[in-house]
Amino acid sequence: MSGGHLRLQQYAGDMSGGTANAFNVLLQNAPEGCAWTATTRIDVTALDTQGDQAGLILWRSETPYFNFSKVVYNRRNNNQWWVERSNTVGGVATAVGNTAIANAPTHVYIRISVTADGLVQPERSTDGTTWTAVGNAYSVAGHQQLKVGLAFFGSNSFRQAAYDYF
């Protein structure tokens, strides 16, 4: 914690397909049997390198089958930004629903709404008021307890993602 923000240090790694080696993935059990929403606001001004990914993770299982999802702000290059939604089922990732952000944002809001029967709808915003769906609704595979949390990963660097809230 610093300056009223949770700051996660970036380390090398990713959360995609059979790769789930990102450090600084903070998870907690998600509510069961009811609809719920998780929202975060991230200061992305320090995320200035291609491949910087900061956002939310939904985690179901690791061994023997990777079943998880990420909804992350992704710095693509010097003039490209988007929020990416990737759903990994049995170690195979399906990246569907990347939504481009027109101009370099200072903050990105990411929201995941989950229905009582487990259908996930991710959304993103740059102002916290106007929301854009990031792909269609989907389910996270598996039967273990669903977990939800924050993550920051990409190249190994000294940058930090600053989370205002979760």
Protein backbone atom coordinates (compact mmCIF):
# COMPACT_ATOMS: atom_id res chain seq x y z
CA MET A 1 0.00 0.00 0.00
CA SER A 2 1.22 3.45 -0.90
CA GLY A 3 -0.62 6.71 -1.51
CA GLY A 4 -3.99 5.05 -0.91
CA HIS A 5 -3.41 2.43 -3.63
CA LEU A 6 -2.63 -1.25 -3.58
CA ARG A 7 0.51 -1.41 -5.70
CA LEU A 8 1.45 -4.71 -7.30
CA GLN A 9 4.99 -5.19 -8.56
CA GLN A 10 5.27 -6.68 -12.02
CA TYR A 11 7.12 -9.94 -12.61
CA ALA A 12 7.54 -12.06 -15.72
CA GLY A 13 4.72 -14.47 -16.42
CA ASP A 14 1.31 -14.87 -18.02
CA MET A 15 -2.12 -16.36 -17.49
CA SER A 16 -3.08 -17.97 -20.78
CA GLY A 17 -3.69 -21.55 -21.85
CA GLY A 18 -1.27 -23.98 -20.22
CA THR A 19 0.74 -21.07 -18.83
CA ALA A 20 -0.30 -19.92 -15.37
CA ASN A 21 3.01 -18.69 -14.00
CA ALA A 22 2.21 -15.06 -13.18
CA PHE A 23 3.33 -13.79 -9.79
CA ASN A 24 1.23 -11.30 -7.82
CA VAL A 25 -2.10 -12.95 -8.43
CA LEU A 26 -4.15 -12.19 -5.31
CA LEU A 27 -7.23 -14.43 -5.04
CA GLN A 28 -10.13 -14.90 -2.66
CA ASN A 29 -13.13 -17.22 -2.76
CA ALA A 30 -15.97 -15.87 -4.89
CA PRO A 31 -19.55 -15.92 -3.59
CA GLU A 32 -21.46 -19.12 -4.42
CA GLY A 33 -25.10 -19.59 -5.43
CA CYS A 34 -25.88 -15.91 -5.95
CA ALA A 35 -25.26 -13.16 -8.49
CA TRP A 36 -22.28 -10.92 -7.73
CA THR A 37 -20.05 -8.26 -9.28
CA ALA A 38 -16.34 -7.48 -8.85
CA THR A 39 -15.02 -4.10 -9.98
CA THR A 40 -11.59 -2.50 -9.88
CA ARG A 41 -10.10 0.84 -10.91
CA ILE A 42 -6.47 0.76 -12.05
CA ASP A 43 -4.10 3.70 -12.57
CA VAL A 44 -2.37 2.61 -15.80
CA THR A 45 -0.12 5.66 -16.34
CA ALA A 46 3.01 3.68 -15.33
CA LEU A 47 2.15 0.72 -17.59
CA ASP A 48 4.20 1.83 -20.57
CA THR A 49 5.65 -1.37 -22.02
CA GLN A 50 4.17 -3.74 -24.56
CA GLY A 51 2.57 -6.71 -22.84
CA ASP A 52 1.86 -5.03 -19.49
CA GLN A 53 -1.33 -6.73 -18.22
CA ALA A 54 -3.25 -5.65 -15.11
CA GLY A 55 -6.78 -6.61 -14.12
CA LEU A 56 -9.01 -9.35 -12.75
CA ILE A 57 -8.56 -13.12 -12.65
CA LEU A 58 -11.24 -15.80 -12.20
CA TRP A 59 -9.58 -19.04 -11.09
CA ARG A 60 -11.12 -22.52 -10.90
CA SER A 61 -8.33 -25.13 -11.11
CA GLU A 62 -4.73 -25.80 -12.04
CA THR A 63 -3.76 -29.47 -11.97
CA PRO A 64 -4.42 -31.53 -13.97
CA TYR A 65 -6.51 -29.06 -16.01
CA PHE A 66 -6.03 -25.32 -16.14
CA ASN A 67 -9.45 -23.62 -15.90
CA PHE A 68 -9.35 -19.87 -15.41
CA SER A 69 -10.15 -16.55 -17.04
CA LYS A 70 -8.49 -13.15 -17.20
CA VAL A 71 -9.95 -9.74 -17.96
CA VAL A 72 -6.99 -7.37 -18.15
CA TYR A 73 -5.87 -4.00 -19.45
CA ASN A 74 -3.20 -4.84 -22.02
CA ARG A 75 -0.65 -2.33 -23.30
CA ARG A 76 -0.14 -3.55 -26.87
CA ASN A 77 2.44 -1.01 -28.14
CA ASN A 78 3.15 2.74 -28.09
CA ASN A 79 -0.26 3.69 -29.45
CA GLN A 80 -2.50 0.66 -28.82
CA TRP A 81 -4.41 -0.22 -25.65
CA TRP A 82 -7.21 -2.65 -25.02
CA VAL A 83 -8.98 -4.73 -22.44
CA GLU A 84 -8.54 -8.41 -23.18
CA ARG A 85 -10.77 -11.28 -22.13
CA SER A 86 -9.29 -14.76 -22.30
CA ASN A 87 -10.98 -17.93 -21.04
CA THR A 88 -8.81 -21.02 -20.50
CA VAL A 89 -10.59 -24.38 -20.50
CA GLY A 90 -8.50 -27.50 -19.93
CA GLY A 91 -5.30 -25.62 -20.71
CA VAL A 92 -6.56 -24.16 -24.02
CA ALA A 93 -7.11 -20.39 -24.15
CA THR A 94 -9.79 -18.69 -26.19
CA ALA A 95 -9.20 -14.95 -26.47
CA VAL A 96 -12.53 -13.46 -27.45
CA GLY A 97 -13.73 -9.94 -26.97
CA ASN A 98 -10.70 -7.67 -26.90
CA THR A 99 -12.00 -4.09 -26.92
CA ALA A 100 -9.71 -1.29 -28.06
CA ILE A 101 -9.35 1.96 -26.15
CA ALA A 102 -9.05 4.94 -28.53
CA ASN A 103 -6.62 7.14 -26.56
CA ALA A 104 -4.04 6.50 -23.86
CA PRO A 105 -6.07 6.19 -20.65
CA THR A 106 -4.94 7.26 -17.19
CA HIS A 107 -7.35 4.88 -15.43
CA VAL A 108 -9.18 1.75 -16.52
CA TYR A 109 -12.18 0.25 -14.74
CA ILE A 110 -12.77 -3.48 -15.12
CA ARG A 111 -15.97 -5.14 -13.97
CA ILE A 112 -16.99 -8.80 -13.94
CA SER A 113 -20.65 -9.62 -13.32
CA VAL A 114 -21.49 -13.25 -12.53
CA THR A 115 -25.03 -14.65 -12.54
CA ALA A 116 -26.25 -17.13 -9.90
CA ASP A 117 -25.70 -19.98 -12.39
CA GLY A 118 -22.09 -18.89 -13.12
CA LEU A 119 -22.39 -16.97 -16.40
CA VAL A 120 -19.64 -14.31 -16.54
CA GLN A 121 -19.95 -10.95 -18.34
CA PRO A 122 -16.82 -8.76 -18.32
CA GLU A 123 -16.96 -5.01 -19.04
CA ARG A 124 -14.51 -2.11 -19.17
CA SER A 125 -14.72 1.65 -18.81
CA THR A 126 -12.35 4.62 -18.86
CA ASP A 127 -14.64 6.90 -16.83
CA GLY A 128 -16.48 4.52 -14.46
CA THR A 129 -19.84 5.53 -15.95
CA THR A 130 -19.99 4.27 -19.54
CA TRP A 131 -19.35 0.53 -19.74
CA THR A 132 -18.43 -1.56 -22.81
CA ALA A 133 -18.85 -5.34 -22.88
CA VAL A 134 -15.61 -7.26 -23.42
CA GLY A 135 -16.93 -10.10 -25.55
CA ASN A 136 -19.94 -12.30 -24.89
CA ALA A 137 -20.86 -13.94 -21.60
CA TYR A 138 -19.15 -17.26 -20.83
CA SER A 139 -18.57 -19.77 -18.02
CA VAL A 140 -15.34 -20.70 -16.26
CA ALA A 141 -14.95 -24.49 -16.61
CA GLY A 142 -14.51 -26.88 -13.71
CA HIS A 143 -16.24 -27.70 -10.44
CA GLN A 144 -13.85 -26.41 -7.79
CA GLN A 145 -14.57 -23.25 -5.75
CA LEU A 146 -14.32 -20.20 -8.04
CA LYS A 147 -11.83 -17.58 -6.88
CA VAL A 148 -11.58 -13.95 -7.97
CA GLY A 149 -8.79 -11.44 -7.58
CA LEU A 150 -6.27 -8.96 -8.91
CA ALA A 151 -3.15 -9.53 -10.99
CA PHE A 152 -0.31 -7.66 -12.72
CA PHE A 153 2.12 -9.45 -15.03
CA GLY A 154 4.14 -9.16 -18.24
CA SER A 155 7.88 -8.64 -18.53
CA ASN A 156 10.04 -8.62 -15.43
CA SER A 157 10.34 -4.93 -14.47
CA PHE A 158 10.12 -2.47 -11.64
CA ARG A 159 6.79 -0.99 -12.74
CA GLN A 160 3.79 -1.14 -10.46
CA ALA A 161 0.08 -1.24 -11.16
CA ALA A 162 -1.86 0.96 -8.73
CA TYR A 163 -5.31 -0.40 -7.79
CA ASP A 164 -7.70 2.15 -6.25
CA TYR A 165 -10.18 -0.47 -5.07
CA PHE A 166 -11.47 -4.00 -5.57
